[in-house]
Amino acid sequence: MGKRIGDSIYHTTGWRRLRAYVYGREHGICQRCGDPGDVVHHKIAITAANVNDPNVTMNAQLLELLCHQCHNREHKAGEDPVREDCAFDEFGQLVKREKN
C-alpha cells in the first residue's frame, strides 16, 4: 500500500504529544460508542490542500478518540459493502443469489 497524504505527521514528536493529550482528555474512551478508544481521528480529512496547515492537522479541537470499529465505520461511510448478487445460506456460507 502506498503512502497516504499526511502519513509523515504521525511520526513527529508533536503528533505523539497531541495524541497522548487527546487520549487523556477522553480518558481512553471512544467518543462515539463508549468502548475503549485507540485511534485519534481528524474530524477534517487531511488533504493535499491542508496537510501543511497545523490549524487542521495539529488542532486538538478537531481531533476525536475512536475505537477501531468506529474509525473504520467513519472511513467506510458512504461505501456500500453489500453485494446484491450474493447472500448467506442457512450454514453461513456465501452463495450466489438467485435472480428473480
C-alpha atoms as a PDB file:
ATOM      1  CA  MET A   1       0.000   0.000   0.000  1.00  0.00           C
ATOM      2  CA  GLY A   2       1.324   3.436  -0.914  1.00  0.00           C
ATOM      3  CA  LYS A   3       1.974   6.304   1.417  1.00  0.00           C
ATOM      4  CA  ARG A   4      -1.097   8.421   2.188  1.00  0.00           C
ATOM      5  CA  ILE A   5      -1.178  12.207   2.396  1.00  0.00           C
ATOM      6  CA  GLY A   6      -0.317  13.206   5.939  1.00  0.00           C
ATOM      7  CA  ASP A   7       1.424   9.988   6.979  1.00  0.00           C
ATOM      8  CA  SER A   8       4.589  11.926   7.850  1.00  0.00           C
ATOM      9  CA  ILE A   9       2.672  13.900  10.523  1.00  0.00           C
ATOM     10  CA  TYR A  10       2.183  10.772  12.604  1.00  0.00           C
ATOM     11  CA  HIS A  11       5.934  10.258  13.072  1.00  0.00           C
ATOM     12  CA  THR A  12       6.581  13.614  14.748  1.00  0.00           C
ATOM     13  CA  THR A  13       7.092  14.321  18.441  1.00  0.00           C
ATOM     14  CA  GLY A  14       4.380  16.973  18.232  1.00  0.00           C
ATOM     15  CA  TRP A  15       1.825  14.447  16.987  1.00  0.00           C
ATOM     16  CA  ARG A  16       2.765  11.882  19.639  1.00  0.00           C
ATOM     17  CA  ARG A  17       2.271  14.512  22.354  1.00  0.00           C
ATOM     18  CA  LEU A  18      -1.016  15.694  20.856  1.00  0.00           C
ATOM     19  CA  ARG A  19      -2.250  12.120  20.520  1.00  0.00           C
ATOM     20  CA  ALA A  20      -1.415  11.453  24.184  1.00  0.00           C
ATOM     21  CA  TYR A  21      -3.243  14.653  25.167  1.00  0.00           C
ATOM     22  CA  VAL A  22      -6.401  13.678  23.239  1.00  0.00           C
ATOM     23  CA  TYR A  23      -6.257  10.151  24.663  1.00  0.00           C
ATOM     24  CA  GLY A  24      -6.038  11.549  28.201  1.00  0.00           C
ATOM     25  CA  ARG A  25      -8.697  14.190  27.579  1.00  0.00           C
ATOM     26  CA  GLU A  26     -11.138  11.433  26.612  1.00  0.00           C
ATOM     27  CA  HIS A  27      -9.933   9.058  29.362  1.00  0.00           C
ATOM     28  CA  GLY A  28      -9.207   6.416  26.717  1.00  0.00           C
ATOM     29  CA  ILE A  29     -12.887   6.125  25.758  1.00  0.00           C
ATOM     30  CA  CYS A  30     -14.256   6.166  22.192  1.00  0.00           C
ATOM     31  CA  GLN A  31     -16.290   9.345  21.822  1.00  0.00           C
ATOM     32  CA  ARG A  32     -18.895   7.620  19.676  1.00  0.00           C
ATOM     33  CA  CYS A  33     -19.683   4.292  21.315  1.00  0.00           C
ATOM     34  CA  GLY A  34     -18.047   4.347  24.760  1.00  0.00           C
ATOM     35  CA  ASP A  35     -15.758   1.357  24.148  1.00  0.00           C
ATOM     36  CA  PRO A  36     -12.009   1.659  24.758  1.00  0.00           C
ATOM     37  CA  GLY A  37     -10.567   4.039  22.165  1.00  0.00           C
ATOM     38  CA  ASP A  38      -7.220   3.780  20.452  1.00  0.00           C
ATOM     39  CA  VAL A  39      -7.346   5.878  17.257  1.00  0.00           C
ATOM     40  CA  VAL A  40      -7.045   9.667  17.332  1.00  0.00           C
ATOM     41  CA  HIS A  41      -9.104  10.723  14.313  1.00  0.00           C
ATOM     42  CA  HIS A  42      -9.020  14.004  12.384  1.00  0.00           C
ATOM     43  CA  LYS A  43     -12.590  15.312  12.085  1.00  0.00           C
ATOM     44  CA  ILE A  44     -11.484  17.173   8.949  1.00  0.00           C
ATOM     45  CA  ALA A  45      -9.920  14.849   6.372  1.00  0.00           C
ATOM     46  CA  ILE A  46      -6.245  15.505   5.692  1.00  0.00           C
ATOM     47  CA  THR A  47      -5.815  16.524   2.054  1.00  0.00           C
ATOM     48  CA  ALA A  48      -3.043  17.909  -0.130  1.00  0.00           C
ATOM     49  CA  ALA A  49      -4.599  21.353   0.401  1.00  0.00           C
ATOM     50  CA  ASN A  50      -4.463  21.270   4.224  1.00  0.00           C
ATOM     51  CA  VAL A  51      -1.683  18.818   5.113  1.00  0.00           C
ATOM     52  CA  ASN A  52       0.709  21.650   5.958  1.00  0.00           C
ATOM     53  CA  ASP A  53      -1.855  23.643   7.965  1.00  0.00           C
ATOM     54  CA  PRO A  54      -1.312  22.995  11.699  1.00  0.00           C
ATOM     55  CA  ASN A  55      -4.716  24.591  12.395  1.00  0.00           C
ATOM     56  CA  VAL A  56      -6.153  21.443  10.791  1.00  0.00           C
ATOM     57  CA  THR A  57      -3.556  18.737  11.390  1.00  0.00           C
ATOM     58  CA  MET A  58      -2.472  19.640  14.926  1.00  0.00           C
ATOM     59  CA  ASN A  59      -5.639  21.163  16.399  1.00  0.00           C
ATOM     60  CA  ALA A  60      -6.909  19.211  19.416  1.00  0.00           C
ATOM     61  CA  GLN A  61     -10.409  20.623  18.911  1.00  0.00           C
ATOM     62  CA  LEU A  62     -10.534  18.904  15.522  1.00  0.00           C
ATOM     63  CA  LEU A  63      -9.462  15.516  16.887  1.00  0.00           C
ATOM     64  CA  GLU A  64     -11.542  12.768  18.473  1.00  0.00           C
ATOM     65  CA  LEU A  65     -10.664   9.465  20.077  1.00  0.00           C
ATOM     66  CA  LEU A  66     -12.332   6.477  18.426  1.00  0.00           C
ATOM     67  CA  CYS A  67     -12.186   2.700  18.736  1.00  0.00           C
ATOM     68  CA  HIS A  68     -11.052   0.818  15.624  1.00  0.00           C
ATOM     69  CA  GLN A  69     -14.619  -0.189  14.767  1.00  0.00           C
ATOM     70  CA  CYS A  70     -15.955   3.390  14.842  1.00  0.00           C
ATOM     71  CA  HIS A  71     -12.877   4.659  12.985  1.00  0.00           C
ATOM     72  CA  ASN A  72     -13.326   2.053  10.253  1.00  0.00           C
ATOM     73  CA  ARG A  73     -17.025   2.878  10.072  1.00  0.00           C
ATOM     74  CA  GLU A  74     -16.131   6.572   9.630  1.00  0.00           C
ATOM     75  CA  HIS A  75     -13.783   5.847   6.746  1.00  0.00           C
ATOM     76  CA  LYS A  76     -16.208   3.443   5.091  1.00  0.00           C
ATOM     77  CA  ALA A  77     -19.148   5.884   5.347  1.00  0.00           C
ATOM     78  CA  GLY A  78     -20.878   6.150   2.001  1.00  0.00           C
ATOM     79  CA  GLU A  79     -19.470   2.865   0.743  1.00  0.00           C
ATOM     80  CA  ASP A  80     -21.976   0.079   0.264  1.00  0.00           C
ATOM     81  CA  PRO A  81     -20.230  -3.184   1.159  1.00  0.00           C
ATOM     82  CA  VAL A  82     -23.348  -5.256   0.397  1.00  0.00           C
ATOM     83  CA  ARG A  83     -23.426  -7.046  -2.928  1.00  0.00           C
ATOM     84  CA  GLU A  84     -26.846  -7.618  -4.421  1.00  0.00           C
ATOM     85  CA  ASP A  85     -25.792 -10.809  -6.230  1.00  0.00           C
ATOM     86  CA  CYS A  86     -24.674 -12.695  -3.083  1.00  0.00           C
ATOM     87  CA  ALA A  87     -26.258 -13.865   0.162  1.00  0.00           C
ATOM     88  CA  PHE A  88     -25.501 -16.162   3.083  1.00  0.00           C
ATOM     89  CA  ASP A  89     -27.225 -19.534   3.257  1.00  0.00           C
ATOM     90  CA  GLU A  90     -28.501 -21.198   6.441  1.00  0.00           C
ATOM     91  CA  PHE A  91     -24.982 -22.504   7.132  1.00  0.00           C
ATOM     92  CA  GLY A  92     -23.378 -19.064   6.872  1.00  0.00           C
ATOM     93  CA  GLN A  93     -21.796 -19.826   3.508  1.00  0.00           C
ATOM     94  CA  LEU A  94     -21.634 -17.138   0.828  1.00  0.00           C
ATOM     95  CA  VAL A  95     -23.719 -18.171  -2.178  1.00  0.00           C
ATOM     96  CA  LYS A  96     -24.880 -16.615  -5.430  1.00  0.00           C
ATOM     97  CA  ARG A  97     -28.324 -15.110  -5.029  1.00  0.00           C
ATOM     98  CA  GLU A  98     -30.938 -16.487  -7.430  1.00  0.00           C
ATOM     99  CA  LYS A  99     -32.256 -13.988  -9.953  1.00  0.00           C
ATOM    100  CA  ASN A 100     -35.990 -13.317  -9.725  1.00  0.00           C
END
